[in-house]
Amino acid sequence: MDRFSEYRVMWILVLFDLPTETKKDIKEYTLFRKRLQQDGFTMFQFSIYVRHCASMENAEVHMKRVYSFLPEFGKVGVMCITDKQFGNIKLFYGKKPQKPNAPGQQLELF
């Protein structure tokens, strides 16, 4: 079995729309984003963060971690897709195609 198969390697996408009307809302929004970043997520777009995972088992660990720090209010979606599916995303800046910013190859040491 190929350990780095594009069907085994996973991407987690966290999509969110959180309120920012009060100081408390802004604090919760900031804390949520900070926790995502501390867990290795990077900004894909303003309210979309992504994380590369070596396997579905590893992705499940990080998804559970996101569930543990969900804010009290707002909408949050968590999606897991394969590396192959992520590679098929078409991105545009205006009408110009853009390549996704993918992290370098992760090394696993045993």
N, C-alpha and C. Protein backbone atom coordinates (compact mmCIF):
# COMPACT_ATOMS: atom_id res chain seq x y z
N MET A 1 0.84 -1.19 0.00
CA MET A 1 0.00 0.00 0.00
C MET A 1 0.88 1.25 0.00
N ASP A 2 0.56 2.19 -0.85
CA ASP A 2 1.31 3.43 -0.94
C ASP A 2 0.92 4.35 0.21
N ARG A 3 1.86 4.64 1.12
CA ARG A 3 1.55 5.45 2.31
C ARG A 3 1.17 6.88 1.95
N PHE A 4 1.64 7.39 0.82
CA PHE A 4 1.35 8.76 0.44
C PHE A 4 0.36 8.82 -0.71
N SER A 5 -0.54 7.86 -0.77
CA SER A 5 -1.57 7.84 -1.80
C SER A 5 -2.43 9.08 -1.71
N GLU A 6 -2.75 9.67 -2.87
CA GLU A 6 -3.58 10.88 -2.89
C GLU A 6 -5.01 10.58 -2.47
N TYR A 7 -5.34 9.30 -2.27
CA TYR A 7 -6.66 8.94 -1.77
C TYR A 7 -6.64 8.67 -0.27
N ARG A 8 -5.45 8.52 0.31
CA ARG A 8 -5.33 8.28 1.75
C ARG A 8 -5.01 9.57 2.50
N VAL A 9 -4.19 10.43 1.91
CA VAL A 9 -3.86 11.71 2.52
C VAL A 9 -5.11 12.59 2.51
N MET A 10 -5.38 13.24 3.63
CA MET A 10 -6.63 13.99 3.77
C MET A 10 -6.38 15.48 4.02
N TRP A 11 -7.39 16.26 3.72
CA TRP A 11 -7.42 17.69 4.04
C TRP A 11 -8.67 17.96 4.86
N ILE A 12 -8.53 18.71 5.94
CA ILE A 12 -9.68 19.16 6.72
C ILE A 12 -9.91 20.62 6.35
N LEU A 13 -11.14 20.96 6.03
CA LEU A 13 -11.53 22.34 5.78
C LEU A 13 -12.49 22.76 6.88
N VAL A 14 -12.21 23.88 7.52
CA VAL A 14 -13.10 24.45 8.53
C VAL A 14 -13.62 25.76 7.95
N LEU A 15 -14.94 25.81 7.76
CA LEU A 15 -15.60 26.98 7.19
C LEU A 15 -16.45 27.60 8.28
N PHE A 16 -16.34 28.91 8.48
CA PHE A 16 -17.09 29.49 9.59
C PHE A 16 -17.58 30.90 9.28
N ASP A 17 -18.67 31.22 9.93
CA ASP A 17 -19.28 32.55 9.88
C ASP A 17 -19.67 32.88 11.31
N LEU A 18 -18.82 33.65 11.98
CA LEU A 18 -19.03 33.94 13.40
C LEU A 18 -19.43 35.41 13.59
N PRO A 19 -20.28 35.67 14.58
CA PRO A 19 -20.67 37.06 14.82
C PRO A 19 -19.49 37.89 15.35
N THR A 20 -19.48 39.17 14.99
CA THR A 20 -18.43 40.08 15.46
C THR A 20 -19.05 41.43 15.88
N GLU A 21 -20.25 41.36 16.45
CA GLU A 21 -20.98 42.58 16.78
C GLU A 21 -20.59 43.17 18.13
N THR A 22 -20.20 42.34 19.08
CA THR A 22 -19.83 42.83 20.40
C THR A 22 -18.36 42.52 20.68
N LYS A 23 -17.82 43.11 21.74
CA LYS A 23 -16.44 42.81 22.12
C LYS A 23 -16.28 41.33 22.46
N LYS A 24 -17.31 40.75 23.11
CA LYS A 24 -17.26 39.33 23.46
C LYS A 24 -17.24 38.48 22.19
N ASP A 25 -18.07 38.84 21.19
CA ASP A 25 -18.08 38.12 19.90
C ASP A 25 -16.70 38.15 19.25
N ILE A 26 -16.10 39.33 19.23
CA ILE A 26 -14.78 39.48 18.60
C ILE A 26 -13.73 38.66 19.33
N LYS A 27 -13.82 38.63 20.66
CA LYS A 27 -12.89 37.82 21.46
C LYS A 27 -13.05 36.33 21.12
N GLU A 28 -14.30 35.86 21.02
CA GLU A 28 -14.56 34.45 20.69
C GLU A 28 -14.06 34.12 19.29
N TYR A 29 -14.29 35.03 18.34
CA TYR A 29 -13.84 34.86 16.95
C TYR A 29 -12.31 34.75 16.91
N THR A 30 -11.65 35.67 17.61
CA THR A 30 -10.18 35.69 17.64
C THR A 30 -9.63 34.43 18.28
N LEU A 31 -10.25 33.99 19.38
CA LEU A 31 -9.80 32.78 20.07
C LEU A 31 -9.99 31.55 19.18
N PHE A 32 -11.11 31.47 18.46
CA PHE A 32 -11.35 30.34 17.58
C PHE A 32 -10.28 30.26 16.49
N ARG A 33 -10.00 31.38 15.84
CA ARG A 33 -8.97 31.42 14.80
C ARG A 33 -7.61 31.06 15.37
N LYS A 34 -7.28 31.57 16.56
CA LYS A 34 -6.00 31.29 17.20
C LYS A 34 -5.85 29.80 17.49
N ARG A 35 -6.92 29.19 17.98
CA ARG A 35 -6.87 27.75 18.27
C ARG A 35 -6.71 26.92 17.00
N LEU A 36 -7.37 27.34 15.92
CA LEU A 36 -7.18 26.65 14.64
C LEU A 36 -5.71 26.71 14.23
N GLN A 37 -5.13 27.89 14.31
CA GLN A 37 -3.72 28.06 13.93
C GLN A 37 -2.79 27.26 14.83
N GLN A 38 -3.09 27.20 16.12
CA GLN A 38 -2.26 26.42 17.04
C GLN A 38 -2.32 24.93 16.72
N ASP A 39 -3.43 24.50 16.11
CA ASP A 39 -3.57 23.09 15.74
C ASP A 39 -3.07 22.81 14.32
N GLY A 40 -2.39 23.78 13.71
CA GLY A 40 -1.77 23.54 12.41
C GLY A 40 -2.61 23.92 11.21
N PHE A 41 -3.73 24.59 11.41
CA PHE A 41 -4.55 25.04 10.29
C PHE A 41 -3.97 26.33 9.72
N THR A 42 -4.10 26.51 8.43
CA THR A 42 -3.68 27.75 7.78
C THR A 42 -4.86 28.36 7.03
N MET A 43 -4.81 29.68 6.87
CA MET A 43 -5.91 30.37 6.20
C MET A 43 -5.89 30.05 4.70
N PHE A 44 -7.04 29.62 4.21
CA PHE A 44 -7.23 29.36 2.79
C PHE A 44 -7.93 30.57 2.16
N GLN A 45 -8.96 31.05 2.84
CA GLN A 45 -9.63 32.31 2.56
C GLN A 45 -10.01 32.88 3.92
N PHE A 46 -10.60 34.07 3.97
CA PHE A 46 -10.83 34.73 5.26
C PHE A 46 -11.53 33.85 6.29
N SER A 47 -12.56 33.12 5.94
CA SER A 47 -13.27 32.29 6.91
C SER A 47 -13.19 30.81 6.56
N ILE A 48 -12.10 30.43 5.90
CA ILE A 48 -11.86 29.03 5.57
C ILE A 48 -10.41 28.70 5.94
N TYR A 49 -10.26 27.72 6.81
CA TYR A 49 -8.93 27.27 7.22
C TYR A 49 -8.78 25.81 6.82
N VAL A 50 -7.56 25.41 6.45
CA VAL A 50 -7.30 24.05 6.01
C VAL A 50 -6.13 23.45 6.78
N ARG A 51 -6.17 22.12 6.86
CA ARG A 51 -5.06 21.40 7.50
C ARG A 51 -4.83 20.11 6.74
N HIS A 52 -3.57 19.83 6.46
CA HIS A 52 -3.14 18.62 5.77
C HIS A 52 -2.94 17.52 6.80
N CYS A 53 -3.46 16.33 6.54
CA CYS A 53 -3.31 15.19 7.46
C CYS A 53 -2.84 13.97 6.67
N ALA A 54 -1.99 13.17 7.28
CA ALA A 54 -1.41 12.02 6.61
C ALA A 54 -2.41 10.88 6.39
N SER A 55 -3.49 10.85 7.17
CA SER A 55 -4.46 9.76 7.07
C SER A 55 -5.80 10.20 7.61
N MET A 56 -6.83 9.39 7.38
CA MET A 56 -8.16 9.68 7.92
C MET A 56 -8.13 9.61 9.45
N GLU A 57 -7.36 8.67 9.99
CA GLU A 57 -7.25 8.55 11.45
C GLU A 57 -6.67 9.82 12.06
N ASN A 58 -5.65 10.36 11.43
CA ASN A 58 -5.04 11.60 11.89
C ASN A 58 -6.02 12.76 11.74
N ALA A 59 -6.77 12.80 10.65
CA ALA A 59 -7.77 13.85 10.42
C ALA A 59 -8.84 13.81 11.50
N GLU A 60 -9.27 12.62 11.90
CA GLU A 60 -10.30 12.50 12.93
C GLU A 60 -9.85 13.11 14.26
N VAL A 61 -8.57 12.95 14.59
CA VAL A 61 -8.02 13.54 15.82
C VAL A 61 -8.17 15.05 15.76
N HIS A 62 -7.81 15.65 14.64
CA HIS A 62 -7.86 17.11 14.52
C HIS A 62 -9.29 17.63 14.40
N MET A 63 -10.17 16.87 13.78
CA MET A 63 -11.57 17.28 13.72
C MET A 63 -12.18 17.28 15.11
N LYS A 64 -11.89 16.26 15.92
CA LYS A 64 -12.38 16.22 17.30
C LYS A 64 -11.85 17.41 18.10
N ARG A 65 -10.61 17.79 17.83
CA ARG A 65 -10.03 18.94 18.52
C ARG A 65 -10.79 20.21 18.16
N VAL A 66 -11.14 20.38 16.89
CA VAL A 66 -11.93 21.54 16.47
C VAL A 66 -13.29 21.53 17.17
N TYR A 67 -13.92 20.36 17.23
CA TYR A 67 -15.24 20.26 17.90
C TYR A 67 -15.13 20.70 19.36
N SER A 68 -13.98 20.46 19.98
CA SER A 68 -13.82 20.76 21.41
C SER A 68 -13.74 22.26 21.69
N PHE A 69 -13.38 23.06 20.69
CA PHE A 69 -13.30 24.51 20.94
C PHE A 69 -14.23 25.33 20.05
N LEU A 70 -15.35 24.72 19.64
CA LEU A 70 -16.35 25.47 18.87
C LEU A 70 -16.88 26.64 19.69
N PRO A 71 -17.07 27.80 19.05
CA PRO A 71 -17.62 28.94 19.78
C PRO A 71 -19.11 28.72 20.08
N GLU A 72 -19.61 29.48 21.05
CA GLU A 72 -21.00 29.33 21.48
C GLU A 72 -21.99 29.71 20.37
N PHE A 73 -21.67 30.74 19.60
CA PHE A 73 -22.57 31.23 18.56
C PHE A 73 -21.86 31.20 17.20
N GLY A 74 -22.65 31.26 16.14
CA GLY A 74 -22.10 31.29 14.79
C GLY A 74 -22.23 29.93 14.12
N LYS A 75 -21.87 29.92 12.85
CA LYS A 75 -21.94 28.70 12.05
C LYS A 75 -20.54 28.21 11.72
N VAL A 76 -20.32 26.92 11.94
CA VAL A 76 -19.02 26.31 11.63
C VAL A 76 -19.29 25.01 10.89
N GLY A 77 -18.60 24.83 9.77
CA GLY A 77 -18.67 23.58 9.03
C GLY A 77 -17.29 22.94 9.01
N VAL A 78 -17.24 21.63 9.16
CA VAL A 78 -15.97 20.90 9.11
C VAL A 78 -16.11 19.83 8.04
N MET A 79 -15.20 19.85 7.09
CA MET A 79 -15.27 18.94 5.95
C MET A 79 -13.93 18.25 5.78
N CYS A 80 -13.95 16.99 5.43
CA CYS A 80 -12.73 16.23 5.20
C CYS A 80 -12.75 15.71 3.77
N ILE A 81 -11.71 16.01 3.01
CA ILE A 81 -11.63 15.55 1.62
C ILE A 81 -10.26 14.92 1.37
N THR A 82 -10.17 14.12 0.32
CA THR A 82 -8.89 13.49 -0.01
C THR A 82 -7.97 14.51 -0.68
N ASP A 83 -6.69 14.18 -0.71
CA ASP A 83 -5.70 15.01 -1.38
C ASP A 83 -6.04 15.12 -2.87
N LYS A 84 -6.55 14.04 -3.44
CA LYS A 84 -6.95 14.04 -4.86
C LYS A 84 -8.06 15.06 -5.09
N GLN A 85 -9.08 15.08 -4.21
CA GLN A 85 -10.17 16.03 -4.34
C GLN A 85 -9.67 17.46 -4.14
N PHE A 86 -8.79 17.67 -3.16
CA PHE A 86 -8.24 18.99 -2.91
C PHE A 86 -7.48 19.49 -4.14
N GLY A 87 -6.76 18.59 -4.78
CA GLY A 87 -6.00 18.94 -5.98
C GLY A 87 -6.87 19.34 -7.15
N ASN A 88 -8.14 18.95 -7.12
CA ASN A 88 -9.07 19.30 -8.20
C ASN A 88 -9.80 20.62 -7.97
N ILE A 89 -9.52 21.31 -6.87
CA ILE A 89 -10.15 22.60 -6.61
C ILE A 89 -9.65 23.60 -7.64
N LYS A 90 -10.56 24.33 -8.24
CA LYS A 90 -10.21 25.39 -9.20
C LYS A 90 -10.35 26.73 -8.48
N LEU A 91 -9.26 27.47 -8.40
CA LEU A 91 -9.24 28.76 -7.72
C LEU A 91 -8.99 29.87 -8.74
N PHE A 92 -9.64 31.01 -8.51
CA PHE A 92 -9.47 32.14 -9.41
C PHE A 92 -9.29 33.41 -8.61
N TYR A 93 -8.45 34.28 -9.09
CA TYR A 93 -8.31 35.63 -8.55
C TYR A 93 -8.80 36.54 -9.68
N GLY A 94 -10.06 36.97 -9.55
CA GLY A 94 -10.70 37.60 -10.70
C GLY A 94 -10.91 36.51 -11.72
N LYS A 95 -10.45 36.72 -12.95
CA LYS A 95 -10.58 35.69 -13.98
C LYS A 95 -9.29 34.90 -14.17
N LYS A 96 -8.26 35.25 -13.37
CA LYS A 96 -6.98 34.55 -13.49
C LYS A 96 -6.97 33.30 -12.62
N PRO A 97 -6.66 32.15 -13.19
CA PRO A 97 -6.54 30.93 -12.37
C PRO A 97 -5.39 31.05 -11.37
N GLN A 98 -5.57 30.50 -10.19
CA GLN A 98 -4.55 30.49 -9.15
C GLN A 98 -4.29 29.05 -8.74
N LYS A 99 -3.06 28.73 -8.39
CA LYS A 99 -2.75 27.41 -7.84
C LYS A 99 -2.92 27.47 -6.33
N PRO A 100 -3.50 26.41 -5.72
CA PRO A 100 -3.64 26.42 -4.26
C PRO A 100 -2.28 26.39 -3.58
N ASN A 101 -2.19 27.04 -2.44
CA ASN A 101 -0.95 27.01 -1.65
C ASN A 101 -0.95 25.73 -0.83
N ALA A 102 -0.26 24.74 -1.31
CA ALA A 102 -0.18 23.46 -0.60
C ALA A 102 1.13 23.40 0.17
N PRO A 103 1.09 22.85 1.39
CA PRO A 103 2.33 22.72 2.16
C PRO A 103 3.24 21.69 1.51
N GLY A 104 4.51 21.74 1.88
CA GLY A 104 5.46 20.77 1.37
C GLY A 104 5.18 19.38 1.89
N GLN A 105 5.88 18.43 1.38
CA GLN A 105 5.71 17.04 1.80
C GLN A 105 6.02 16.90 3.29
N GLN A 106 5.12 16.29 4.05
CA GLN A 106 5.36 16.05 5.47
C GLN A 106 6.16 14.78 5.63
N LEU A 107 7.13 14.81 6.49
CA LEU A 107 7.94 13.63 6.76
C LEU A 107 7.43 12.94 8.02
N GLU A 108 7.44 11.63 7.97
CA GLU A 108 7.08 10.85 9.14
C GLU A 108 8.32 10.09 9.60
N LEU A 109 8.68 10.23 10.84
CA LEU A 109 9.84 9.52 11.38
C LEU A 109 9.35 8.46 12.36
N PHE A 110 9.96 7.31 12.29
CA PHE A 110 9.57 6.22 13.18
C PHE A 110 10.72 5.80 14.04
